[in-house]
Amino acid sequence: MQQVPDASSSHQLNEELMVPSHEVGQEVELLTSKLPKQVVAIGIVISKDPSKVVGGQRLGPEFWEVRITKAIKPRQNLVKALEGVKTVGDAHHKCVAWPSVDVMHMH
């Protein structure tokens, strides 16, 4: 299980974690929104447009549309659940809104 250090730890945070700069179409790791940060899925960034509607709600400035391609922790709840899609496992091969601060470059 991969863990990512939080801002209060003595570890230096990688700039990639502090400033999301991922491109649309890029494969990324999706992290939990709560500490300790853990990789819960692999996905592809579909849109960073804040006006895009996903699951009936605008993304806004803090969320990106991602397509989950691999559910690592399928029982992890989504931050923004959709009708009939409440967990990472439910969202496998679907597009969901994911907090942009919890999107990390693939290693």
PDB file of N, CA and C in Angstrom:
ATOM      1  N   MET A   1       0.843  -1.167   0.000  1.00  0.00           N
ATOM      2  CA  MET A   1       0.000   0.000   0.000  1.00  0.00           C
ATOM      3  C   MET A   1       0.892   1.235   0.000  1.00  0.00           C
ATOM      4  N   GLN A   2       0.730   2.077  -1.013  1.00  0.00           N
ATOM      5  CA  GLN A   2       1.559   3.258  -1.152  1.00  0.00           C
ATOM      6  C   GLN A   2       0.952   4.409  -0.372  1.00  0.00           C
ATOM      7  N   GLN A   3       1.773   5.105   0.416  1.00  0.00           N
ATOM      8  CA  GLN A   3       1.315   6.261   1.155  1.00  0.00           C
ATOM      9  C   GLN A   3       2.097   7.476   0.710  1.00  0.00           C
ATOM     10  N   VAL A   4       1.436   8.638   0.761  1.00  0.00           N
ATOM     11  CA  VAL A   4       2.043   9.888   0.373  1.00  0.00           C
ATOM     12  C   VAL A   4       2.162  10.742   1.624  1.00  0.00           C
ATOM     13  N   PRO A   5       3.313  11.372   1.884  1.00  0.00           N
ATOM     14  CA  PRO A   5       3.444  12.183   3.097  1.00  0.00           C
ATOM     15  C   PRO A   5       2.506  13.372   3.086  1.00  0.00           C
ATOM     16  N   ASP A   6       2.003  13.747   4.262  1.00  0.00           N
ATOM     17  CA  ASP A   6       1.141  14.923   4.354  1.00  0.00           C
ATOM     18  C   ASP A   6       1.996  16.148   4.635  1.00  0.00           C
ATOM     19  N   ALA A   7       1.396  17.327   4.522  1.00  0.00           N
ATOM     20  CA  ALA A   7       2.133  18.585   4.644  1.00  0.00           C
ATOM     21  C   ALA A   7       2.722  18.783   6.036  1.00  0.00           C
ATOM     22  N   SER A   8       2.170  18.135   7.049  1.00  0.00           N
ATOM     23  CA  SER A   8       2.674  18.323   8.409  1.00  0.00           C
ATOM     24  C   SER A   8       3.841  17.389   8.728  1.00  0.00           C
ATOM     25  N   SER A   9       4.165  16.481   7.833  1.00  0.00           N
ATOM     26  CA  SER A   9       5.264  15.551   8.097  1.00  0.00           C
ATOM     27  C   SER A   9       6.593  16.252   7.913  1.00  0.00           C
ATOM     28  N   SER A  10       7.639  15.603   8.384  1.00  0.00           N
ATOM     29  CA  SER A  10       8.972  16.185   8.268  1.00  0.00           C
ATOM     30  C   SER A  10       9.544  16.011   6.866  1.00  0.00           C
ATOM     31  N   HIS A  11       8.850  15.269   6.023  1.00  0.00           N
ATOM     32  CA  HIS A  11       9.317  15.048   4.649  1.00  0.00           C
ATOM     33  C   HIS A  11       8.994  16.259   3.784  1.00  0.00           C
ATOM     34  N   GLN A  12       9.871  16.520   2.839  1.00  0.00           N
ATOM     35  CA  GLN A  12       9.606  17.570   1.865  1.00  0.00           C
ATOM     36  C   GLN A  12       8.577  17.048   0.867  1.00  0.00           C
ATOM     37  N   LEU A  13       7.564  17.839   0.583  1.00  0.00           N
ATOM     38  CA  LEU A  13       6.586  17.439  -0.423  1.00  0.00           C
ATOM     39  C   LEU A  13       7.143  17.735  -1.804  1.00  0.00           C
ATOM     40  N   ASN A  14       6.921  16.820  -2.699  1.00  0.00           N
ATOM     41  CA  ASN A  14       7.307  16.993  -4.079  1.00  0.00           C
ATOM     42  C   ASN A  14       6.444  18.100  -4.678  1.00  0.00           C
ATOM     43  N   GLU A  15       7.023  18.965  -5.495  1.00  0.00           N
ATOM     44  CA  GLU A  15       6.257  20.038  -6.115  1.00  0.00           C
ATOM     45  C   GLU A  15       5.074  19.516  -6.909  1.00  0.00           C
ATOM     46  N   GLU A  16       5.195  18.324  -7.477  1.00  0.00           N
ATOM     47  CA  GLU A  16       4.091  17.763  -8.254  1.00  0.00           C
ATOM     48  C   GLU A  16       2.852  17.582  -7.395  1.00  0.00           C
ATOM     49  N   LEU A  17       3.032  17.302  -6.098  1.00  0.00           N
ATOM     50  CA  LEU A  17       1.892  17.143  -5.207  1.00  0.00           C
ATOM     51  C   LEU A  17       1.288  18.478  -4.833  1.00  0.00           C
ATOM     52  N   MET A  18       2.113  19.512  -4.761  1.00  0.00           N
ATOM     53  CA  MET A  18       1.645  20.814  -4.309  1.00  0.00           C
ATOM     54  C   MET A  18       0.972  21.612  -5.421  1.00  0.00           C
ATOM     55  N   VAL A  19       1.396  21.413  -6.650  1.00  0.00           N
ATOM     56  CA  VAL A  19       0.855  22.172  -7.775  1.00  0.00           C
ATOM     57  C   VAL A  19       0.481  21.202  -8.886  1.00  0.00           C
ATOM     58  N   PRO A  20      -0.785  20.765  -8.916  1.00  0.00           N
ATOM     59  CA  PRO A  20      -1.169  19.834  -9.966  1.00  0.00           C
ATOM     60  C   PRO A  20      -0.969  20.466 -11.343  1.00  0.00           C
ATOM     61  N   SER A  21      -0.228  19.782 -12.204  1.00  0.00           N
ATOM     62  CA  SER A  21       0.040  20.324 -13.534  1.00  0.00           C
ATOM     63  C   SER A  21      -0.174  19.251 -14.599  1.00  0.00           C
ATOM     64  N   HIS A  22      -1.072  18.357 -14.344  1.00  0.00           N
ATOM     65  CA  HIS A  22      -1.302  17.232 -15.237  1.00  0.00           C
ATOM     66  C   HIS A  22      -2.046  17.675 -16.489  1.00  0.00           C
ATOM     67  N   GLU A  23      -1.735  17.012 -17.570  1.00  0.00           N
ATOM     68  CA  GLU A  23      -2.360  17.318 -18.843  1.00  0.00           C
ATOM     69  C   GLU A  23      -3.567  16.415 -19.072  1.00  0.00           C
ATOM     70  N   VAL A  24      -4.521  16.920 -19.812  1.00  0.00           N
ATOM     71  CA  VAL A  24      -5.668  16.104 -20.211  1.00  0.00           C
ATOM     72  C   VAL A  24      -5.146  14.928 -21.026  1.00  0.00           C
ATOM     73  N   GLY A  25      -5.646  13.728 -20.726  1.00  0.00           N
ATOM     74  CA  GLY A  25      -5.214  12.515 -21.397  1.00  0.00           C
ATOM     75  C   GLY A  25      -4.099  11.787 -20.668  1.00  0.00           C
ATOM     76  N   GLN A  26      -3.543  12.396 -19.639  1.00  0.00           N
ATOM     77  CA  GLN A  26      -2.438  11.802 -18.891  1.00  0.00           C
ATOM     78  C   GLN A  26      -2.953  10.786 -17.872  1.00  0.00           C
ATOM     79  N   GLU A  27      -2.224   9.674 -17.746  1.00  0.00           N
ATOM     80  CA  GLU A  27      -2.552   8.676 -16.733  1.00  0.00           C
ATOM     81  C   GLU A  27      -2.029   9.162 -15.387  1.00  0.00           C
ATOM     82  N   VAL A  28      -2.859   9.047 -14.343  1.00  0.00           N
ATOM     83  CA  VAL A  28      -2.536   9.581 -13.025  1.00  0.00           C
ATOM     84  C   VAL A  28      -2.939   8.607 -11.922  1.00  0.00           C
ATOM     85  N   GLU A  29      -2.370   8.835 -10.729  1.00  0.00           N
ATOM     86  CA  GLU A  29      -2.795   8.120  -9.538  1.00  0.00           C
ATOM     87  C   GLU A  29      -3.790   9.007  -8.800  1.00  0.00           C
ATOM     88  N   LEU A  30      -4.848   8.401  -8.282  1.00  0.00           N
ATOM     89  CA  LEU A  30      -5.880   9.125  -7.554  1.00  0.00           C
ATOM     90  C   LEU A  30      -5.757   8.785  -6.074  1.00  0.00           C
ATOM     91  N   LEU A  31      -5.654   9.830  -5.250  1.00  0.00           N
ATOM     92  CA  LEU A  31      -5.418   9.667  -3.824  1.00  0.00           C
ATOM     93  C   LEU A  31      -6.692   9.873  -3.010  1.00  0.00           C
ATOM     94  N   THR A  32      -6.670   9.353  -1.770  1.00  0.00           N
ATOM     95  CA  THR A  32      -7.751   9.629  -0.833  1.00  0.00           C
ATOM     96  C   THR A  32      -7.732  11.116  -0.500  1.00  0.00           C
ATOM     97  N   SER A  33      -8.876  11.649  -0.103  1.00  0.00           N
ATOM     98  CA  SER A  33      -8.933  13.063   0.273  1.00  0.00           C
ATOM     99  C   SER A  33      -8.558  13.257   1.738  1.00  0.00           C
ATOM    100  N   LYS A  34      -8.590  12.178   2.514  1.00  0.00           N
ATOM    101  CA  LYS A  34      -8.259  12.270   3.942  1.00  0.00           C
ATOM    102  C   LYS A  34      -6.879  11.676   4.199  1.00  0.00           C
ATOM    103  N   LEU A  35      -6.293  12.084   5.308  1.00  0.00           N
ATOM    104  CA  LEU A  35      -4.989  11.566   5.710  1.00  0.00           C
ATOM    105  C   LEU A  35      -5.143  10.221   6.395  1.00  0.00           C
ATOM    106  N   PRO A  36      -4.228   9.318   6.277  1.00  0.00           N
ATOM    107  CA  PRO A  36      -3.035   9.430   5.435  1.00  0.00           C
ATOM    108  C   PRO A  36      -3.401   9.246   3.966  1.00  0.00           C
ATOM    109  N   LYS A  37      -2.773  10.019   3.106  1.00  0.00           N
ATOM    110  CA  LYS A  37      -3.031   9.933   1.665  1.00  0.00           C
ATOM    111  C   LYS A  37      -2.590   8.572   1.151  1.00  0.00           C
ATOM    112  N   GLN A  38      -3.475   7.915   0.392  1.00  0.00           N
ATOM    113  CA  GLN A  38      -3.169   6.617  -0.195  1.00  0.00           C
ATOM    114  C   GLN A  38      -3.681   6.593  -1.625  1.00  0.00           C
ATOM    115  N   VAL A  39      -2.984   5.870  -2.483  1.00  0.00           N
ATOM    116  CA  VAL A  39      -3.436   5.691  -3.860  1.00  0.00           C
ATOM    117  C   VAL A  39      -4.601   4.705  -3.838  1.00  0.00           C
ATOM    118  N   VAL A  40      -5.753   5.133  -4.360  1.00  0.00           N
ATOM    119  CA  VAL A  40      -6.933   4.272  -4.364  1.00  0.00           C
ATOM    120  C   VAL A  40      -7.351   3.849  -5.765  1.00  0.00           C
ATOM    121  N   ALA A  41      -6.811   4.542  -6.783  1.00  0.00           N
ATOM    122  CA  ALA A  41      -7.177   4.212  -8.167  1.00  0.00           C
ATOM    123  C   ALA A  41      -6.165   4.799  -9.131  1.00  0.00           C
ATOM    124  N   ILE A  42      -6.181   4.258 -10.339  1.00  0.00           N
ATOM    125  CA  ILE A  42      -5.437   4.799 -11.474  1.00  0.00           C
ATOM    126  C   ILE A  42      -6.495   5.325 -12.437  1.00  0.00           C
ATOM    127  N   GLY A  43      -6.211   6.456 -13.050  1.00  0.00           N
ATOM    128  CA  GLY A  43      -7.184   7.018 -13.975  1.00  0.00           C
ATOM    129  C   GLY A  43      -6.532   7.860 -15.040  1.00  0.00           C
ATOM    130  N   ILE A  44      -7.368   8.448 -15.875  1.00  0.00           N
ATOM    131  CA  ILE A  44      -6.923   9.333 -16.946  1.00  0.00           C
ATOM    132  C   ILE A  44      -7.658  10.654 -16.789  1.00  0.00           C
ATOM    133  N   VAL A  45      -6.911  11.768 -16.836  1.00  0.00           N
ATOM    134  CA  VAL A  45      -7.527  13.091 -16.760  1.00  0.00           C
ATOM    135  C   VAL A  45      -8.298  13.328 -18.056  1.00  0.00           C
ATOM    136  N   ILE A  46      -9.592  13.563 -17.916  1.00  0.00           N
ATOM    137  CA  ILE A  46     -10.461  13.797 -19.079  1.00  0.00           C
ATOM    138  C   ILE A  46     -10.691  15.285 -19.300  1.00  0.00           C
ATOM    139  N   SER A  47     -10.932  16.034 -18.209  1.00  0.00           N
ATOM    140  CA  SER A  47     -11.189  17.468 -18.334  1.00  0.00           C
ATOM    141  C   SER A  47     -10.801  18.191 -17.050  1.00  0.00           C
ATOM    142  N   LYS A  48     -10.268  19.416 -17.233  1.00  0.00           N
ATOM    143  CA  LYS A  48      -9.978  20.292 -16.106  1.00  0.00           C
ATOM    144  C   LYS A  48     -10.832  21.555 -16.196  1.00  0.00           C
ATOM    145  N   ASP A  49     -11.810  21.550 -17.083  1.00  0.00           N
ATOM    146  CA  ASP A  49     -12.685  22.699 -17.319  1.00  0.00           C
ATOM    147  C   ASP A  49     -13.675  22.838 -16.158  1.00  0.00           C
ATOM    148  N   PRO A  50     -13.593  23.914 -15.374  1.00  0.00           N
ATOM    149  CA  PRO A  50     -14.475  24.069 -14.217  1.00  0.00           C
ATOM    150  C   PRO A  50     -15.968  24.150 -14.572  1.00  0.00           C
ATOM    151  N   SER A  51     -16.282  24.464 -15.825  1.00  0.00           N
ATOM    152  CA  SER A  51     -17.691  24.551 -16.225  1.00  0.00           C
ATOM    153  C   SER A  51     -18.260  23.205 -16.688  1.00  0.00           C
ATOM    154  N   LYS A  52     -17.400  22.200 -16.824  1.00  0.00           N
ATOM    155  CA  LYS A  52     -17.837  20.866 -17.258  1.00  0.00           C
ATOM    156  C   LYS A  52     -18.776  20.265 -16.216  1.00  0.00           C
ATOM    157  N   VAL A  53     -19.827  19.605 -16.682  1.00  0.00           N
ATOM    158  CA  VAL A  53     -20.793  18.960 -15.795  1.00  0.00           C
ATOM    159  C   VAL A  53     -20.512  17.459 -15.770  1.00  0.00           C
ATOM    160  N   VAL A  54     -20.337  16.923 -14.560  1.00  0.00           N
ATOM    161  CA  VAL A  54     -20.110  15.493 -14.358  1.00  0.00           C
ATOM    162  C   VAL A  54     -21.115  15.027 -13.307  1.00  0.00           C
ATOM    163  N   GLY A  55     -21.935  14.066 -13.661  1.00  0.00           N
ATOM    164  CA  GLY A  55     -22.933  13.567 -12.720  1.00  0.00           C
ATOM    165  C   GLY A  55     -23.949  14.613 -12.306  1.00  0.00           C
ATOM    166  N   GLY A  56     -24.241  15.548 -13.200  1.00  0.00           N
ATOM    167  CA  GLY A  56     -25.234  16.571 -12.917  1.00  0.00           C
ATOM    168  C   GLY A  56     -24.720  17.778 -12.150  1.00  0.00           C
ATOM    169  N   GLN A  57     -23.416  17.813 -11.826  1.00  0.00           N
ATOM    170  CA  GLN A  57     -22.835  18.936 -11.090  1.00  0.00           C
ATOM    171  C   GLN A  57     -21.627  19.490 -11.837  1.00  0.00           C
ATOM    172  N   ARG A  58     -21.491  20.835 -11.810  1.00  0.00           N
ATOM    173  CA  ARG A  58     -20.303  21.460 -12.394  1.00  0.00           C
ATOM    174  C   ARG A  58     -19.076  21.050 -11.606  1.00  0.00           C
ATOM    175  N   LEU A  59     -17.960  20.864 -12.303  1.00  0.00           N
ATOM    176  CA  LEU A  59     -16.714  20.504 -11.628  1.00  0.00           C
ATOM    177  C   LEU A  59     -16.254  21.597 -10.667  1.00  0.00           C
ATOM    178  N   GLY A  60     -16.340  22.845 -11.099  1.00  0.00           N
ATOM    179  CA  GLY A  60     -15.829  23.940 -10.293  1.00  0.00           C
ATOM    180  C   GLY A  60     -14.305  23.954 -10.353  1.00  0.00           C
ATOM    181  N   PRO A  61     -13.676  24.886  -9.645  1.00  0.00           N
ATOM    182  CA  PRO A  61     -12.224  25.042  -9.740  1.00  0.00           C
ATOM    183  C   PRO A  61     -11.417  23.994  -8.988  1.00  0.00           C
ATOM    184  N   GLU A  62     -12.050  23.210  -8.122  1.00  0.00           N
ATOM    185  CA  GLU A  62     -11.302  22.277  -7.274  1.00  0.00           C
ATOM    186  C   GLU A  62     -11.373  20.821  -7.714  1.00  0.00           C
ATOM    187  N   PHE A  63     -12.116  20.526  -8.774  1.00  0.00           N
ATOM    188  CA  PHE A  63     -12.281  19.142  -9.229  1.00  0.00           C
ATOM    189  C   PHE A  63     -11.941  19.017 -10.703  1.00  0.00           C
ATOM    190  N   TRP A  64     -11.467  17.825 -11.077  1.00  0.00           N
ATOM    191  CA  TRP A  64     -11.221  17.470 -12.467  1.00  0.00           C
ATOM    192  C   TRP A  64     -12.054  16.247 -12.801  1.00  0.00           C
ATOM    193  N   GLU A  65     -12.388  16.095 -14.069  1.00  0.00           N
ATOM    194  CA  GLU A  65     -13.055  14.880 -14.535  1.00  0.00           C
ATOM    195  C   GLU A  65     -11.974  13.852 -14.839  1.00  0.00           C
ATOM    196  N   VAL A  66     -12.090  12.682 -14.226  1.00  0.00           N
ATOM    197  CA  VAL A  66     -11.156  11.594 -14.483  1.00  0.00           C
ATOM    198  C   VAL A  66     -11.935  10.320 -14.785  1.00  0.00           C
ATOM    199  N   ARG A  67     -11.339   9.480 -15.609  1.00  0.00           N
ATOM    200  CA  ARG A  67     -11.911   8.165 -15.903  1.00  0.00           C
ATOM    201  C   ARG A  67     -11.081   7.146 -15.133  1.00  0.00           C
ATOM    202  N   ILE A  68     -11.729   6.412 -14.245  1.00  0.00           N
ATOM    203  CA  ILE A  68     -11.024   5.425 -13.437  1.00  0.00           C
ATOM    204  C   ILE A  68     -10.790   4.178 -14.278  1.00  0.00           C
ATOM    205  N   THR A  69      -9.507   3.838 -14.449  1.00  0.00           N
ATOM    206  CA  THR A  69      -9.146   2.681 -15.274  1.00  0.00           C
ATOM    207  C   THR A  69      -8.745   1.471 -14.443  1.00  0.00           C
ATOM    208  N   LYS A  70      -8.360   1.704 -13.183  1.00  0.00           N
ATOM    209  CA  LYS A  70      -8.000   0.597 -12.296  1.00  0.00           C
ATOM    210  C   LYS A  70      -8.386   0.973 -10.869  1.00  0.00           C
ATOM    211  N   ALA A  71      -9.236   0.161 -10.259  1.00  0.00           N
ATOM    212  CA  ALA A  71      -9.656   0.387  -8.875  1.00  0.00           C
ATOM    213  C   ALA A  71      -8.715  -0.376  -7.947  1.00  0.00           C
ATOM    214  N   ILE A  72      -7.854   0.345  -7.250  1.00  0.00           N
ATOM    215  CA  ILE A  72      -6.913  -0.284  -6.324  1.00  0.00           C
ATOM    216  C   ILE A  72      -7.590  -0.565  -4.986  1.00  0.00           C
ATOM    217  N   LYS A  73      -8.394   0.369  -4.510  1.00  0.00           N
ATOM    218  CA  LYS A  73      -9.179   0.200  -3.278  1.00  0.00           C
ATOM    219  C   LYS A  73     -10.647   0.377  -3.649  1.00  0.00           C
ATOM    220  N   PRO A  74     -11.274  -0.673  -4.168  1.00  0.00           N
ATOM    221  CA  PRO A  74     -12.628  -0.551  -4.708  1.00  0.00           C
ATOM    222  C   PRO A  74     -13.693  -0.132  -3.703  1.00  0.00           C
ATOM    223  N   ARG A  75     -13.446  -0.313  -2.414  1.00  0.00           N
ATOM    224  CA  ARG A  75     -14.455   0.061  -1.406  1.00  0.00           C
ATOM    225  C   ARG A  75     -14.336   1.510  -0.944  1.00  0.00           C
ATOM    226  N   GLN A  76     -13.321   2.215  -1.428  1.00  0.00           N
ATOM    227  CA  GLN A  76     -13.137   3.623  -1.053  1.00  0.00           C
ATOM    228  C   GLN A  76     -14.298   4.455  -1.592  1.00  0.00           C
ATOM    229  N   ASN A  77     -14.932   5.246  -0.720  1.00  0.00           N
ATOM    230  CA  ASN A  77     -16.033   6.112  -1.139  1.00  0.00           C
ATOM    231  C   ASN A  77     -15.521   7.260  -1.999  1.00  0.00           C
ATOM    232  N   LEU A  78     -16.327   7.648  -2.975  1.00  0.00           N
ATOM    233  CA  LEU A  78     -16.009   8.807  -3.811  1.00  0.00           C
ATOM    234  C   LEU A  78     -16.338  10.078  -3.038  1.00  0.00           C
ATOM    235  N   VAL A  79     -15.581  11.160  -3.290  1.00  0.00           N
ATOM    236  CA  VAL A  79     -15.876  12.449  -2.673  1.00  0.00           C
ATOM    237  C   VAL A  79     -17.200  12.984  -3.212  1.00  0.00           C
ATOM    238  N   LYS A  80     -17.413  12.844  -4.513  1.00  0.00           N
ATOM    239  CA  LYS A  80     -18.668  13.267  -5.161  1.00  0.00           C
ATOM    240  C   LYS A  80     -19.296  12.028  -5.782  1.00  0.00           C
ATOM    241  N   ALA A  81     -20.185  11.392  -5.036  1.00  0.00           N
ATOM    242  CA  ALA A  81     -20.867  10.197  -5.534  1.00  0.00           C
ATOM    243  C   ALA A  81     -21.852  10.576  -6.632  1.00  0.00           C
ATOM    244  N   LEU A  82     -22.074   9.638  -7.526  1.00  0.00           N
ATOM    245  CA  LEU A  82     -23.069   9.783  -8.587  1.00  0.00           C
ATOM    246  C   LEU A  82     -24.203   8.817  -8.297  1.00  0.00           C
ATOM    247  N   GLU A  83     -25.314   8.959  -8.979  1.00  0.00           N
ATOM    248  CA  GLU A  83     -26.414   8.027  -8.786  1.00  0.00           C
ATOM    249  C   GLU A  83     -25.964   6.622  -9.168  1.00  0.00           C
ATOM    250  N   GLY A  84     -25.980   5.703  -8.199  1.00  0.00           N
ATOM    251  CA  GLY A  84     -25.573   4.329  -8.435  1.00  0.00           C
ATOM    252  C   GLY A  84     -24.071   4.118  -8.460  1.00  0.00           C
ATOM    253  N   VAL A  85     -23.303   5.181  -8.247  1.00  0.00           N
ATOM    254  CA  VAL A  85     -21.834   5.101  -8.265  1.00  0.00           C
ATOM    255  C   VAL A  85     -21.328   5.783  -6.993  1.00  0.00           C
ATOM    256  N   LYS A  86     -21.065   4.987  -5.976  1.00  0.00           N
ATOM    257  CA  LYS A  86     -20.697   5.539  -4.667  1.00  0.00           C
ATOM    258  C   LYS A  86     -19.236   5.278  -4.292  1.00  0.00           C
ATOM    259  N   THR A  87     -18.643   4.214  -4.859  1.00  0.00           N
ATOM    260  CA  THR A  87     -17.279   3.828  -4.493  1.00  0.00           C
ATOM    261  C   THR A  87     -16.371   3.805  -5.722  1.00  0.00           C
ATOM    262  N   VAL A  88     -15.067   3.709  -5.464  1.00  0.00           N
ATOM    263  CA  VAL A  88     -14.085   3.596  -6.549  1.00  0.00           C
ATOM    264  C   VAL A  88     -14.398   2.374  -7.413  1.00  0.00           C
ATOM    265  N   GLY A  89     -14.785   1.272  -6.779  1.00  0.00           N
ATOM    266  CA  GLY A  89     -15.141   0.065  -7.531  1.00  0.00           C
ATOM    267  C   GLY A  89     -16.340   0.286  -8.434  1.00  0.00           C
ATOM    268  N   ASP A  90     -17.356   0.999  -7.928  1.00  0.00           N
ATOM    269  CA  ASP A  90     -18.538   1.317  -8.745  1.00  0.00           C
ATOM    270  C   ASP A  90     -18.146   2.170  -9.951  1.00  0.00           C
ATOM    271  N   ALA A  91     -17.118   3.006  -9.775  1.00  0.00           N
ATOM    272  CA  ALA A  91     -16.713   3.966 -10.804  1.00  0.00           C
ATOM    273  C   ALA A  91     -15.718   3.403 -11.811  1.00  0.00           C
ATOM    274  N   HIS A  92     -15.333   2.146 -11.656  1.00  0.00           N
ATOM    275  CA  HIS A  92     -14.363   1.544 -12.575  1.00  0.00           C
ATOM    276  C   HIS A  92     -14.856   1.689 -14.013  1.00  0.00           C
ATOM    277  N   HIS A  93     -14.031   2.250 -14.870  1.00  0.00           N
ATOM    278  CA  HIS A  93     -14.326   2.518 -16.289  1.00  0.00           C
ATOM    279  C   HIS A  93     -15.389   3.604 -16.486  1.00  0.00           C
ATOM    280  N   LYS A  94     -15.589   4.436 -15.475  1.00  0.00           N
ATOM    281  CA  LYS A  94     -16.538   5.552 -15.575  1.00  0.00           C
ATOM    282  C   LYS A  94     -15.804   6.864 -15.308  1.00  0.00           C
ATOM    283  N   CYS A  95     -16.432   7.959 -15.723  1.00  0.00           N
ATOM    284  CA  CYS A  95     -15.888   9.288 -15.455  1.00  0.00           C
ATOM    285  C   CYS A  95     -16.527   9.845 -14.189  1.00  0.00           C
ATOM    286  N   VAL A  96     -15.678  10.407 -13.316  1.00  0.00           N
ATOM    287  CA  VAL A  96     -16.130  10.984 -12.052  1.00  0.00           C
ATOM    288  C   VAL A  96     -15.389  12.298 -11.810  1.00  0.00           C
ATOM    289  N   ALA A  97     -15.893  13.087 -10.860  1.00  0.00           N
ATOM    290  CA  ALA A  97     -15.200  14.294 -10.416  1.00  0.00           C
ATOM    291  C   ALA A  97     -14.244  13.898  -9.300  1.00  0.00           C
ATOM    292  N   TRP A  98     -12.967  14.309  -9.419  1.00  0.00           N
ATOM    293  CA  TRP A  98     -11.962  13.973  -8.400  1.00  0.00           C
ATOM    294  C   TRP A  98     -11.270  15.266  -7.979  1.00  0.00           C
ATOM    295  N   PRO A  99     -11.029  15.462  -6.677  1.00  0.00           N
ATOM    296  CA  PRO A  99     -10.333  16.684  -6.243  1.00  0.00           C
ATOM    297  C   PRO A  99      -8.963  16.796  -6.914  1.00  0.00           C
ATOM    298  N   SER A 100      -8.709  17.925  -7.549  1.00  0.00           N
ATOM    299  CA  SER A 100      -7.465  18.080  -8.304  1.00  0.00           C
ATOM    300  C   SER A 100      -6.230  17.977  -7.409  1.00  0.00           C
ATOM    301  N   VAL A 101      -6.338  18.353  -6.148  1.00  0.00           N
ATOM    302  CA  VAL A 101      -5.178  18.258  -5.238  1.00  0.00           C
ATOM    303  C   VAL A 101      -4.847  16.813  -4.895  1.00  0.00           C
ATOM    304  N   ASP A 102      -5.762  15.892  -5.198  1.00  0.00           N
ATOM    305  CA  ASP A 102      -5.556  14.484  -4.905  1.00  0.00           C
ATOM    306  C   ASP A 102      -5.269  13.675  -6.169  1.00  0.00           C
ATOM    307  N   VAL A 103      -4.755  14.351  -7.185  1.00  0.00           N
ATOM    308  CA  VAL A 103      -4.345  13.716  -8.440  1.00  0.00           C
ATOM    309  C   VAL A 103      -2.827  13.826  -8.518  1.00  0.00           C
ATOM    310  N   MET A 104      -2.145  12.694  -8.739  1.00  0.00           N
ATOM    311  CA  MET A 104      -0.684  12.671  -8.709  1.00  0.00           C
ATOM    312  C   MET A 104      -0.134  12.019  -9.981  1.00  0.00           C
ATOM    313  N   HIS A 105       1.004  12.535 -10.443  1.00  0.00           N
ATOM    314  CA  HIS A 105       1.692  11.916 -11.590  1.00  0.00           C
ATOM    315  C   HIS A 105       1.980  10.458 -11.302  1.00  0.00           C
ATOM    316  N   MET A 106       1.914   9.628 -12.351  1.00  0.00           N
ATOM    317  CA  MET A 106       2.305   8.227 -12.225  1.00  0.00           C
ATOM    318  C   MET A 106       3.817   8.170 -12.050  1.00  0.00           C
ATOM    319  N   HIS A 107       4.282   7.206 -11.271  1.00  0.00           N
ATOM    320  CA  HIS A 107       5.725   7.030 -11.054  1.00  0.00           C
ATOM    321  C   HIS A 107       6.301   6.138 -12.119  1.00  0.00           C
TER     322      HIS A 107
END
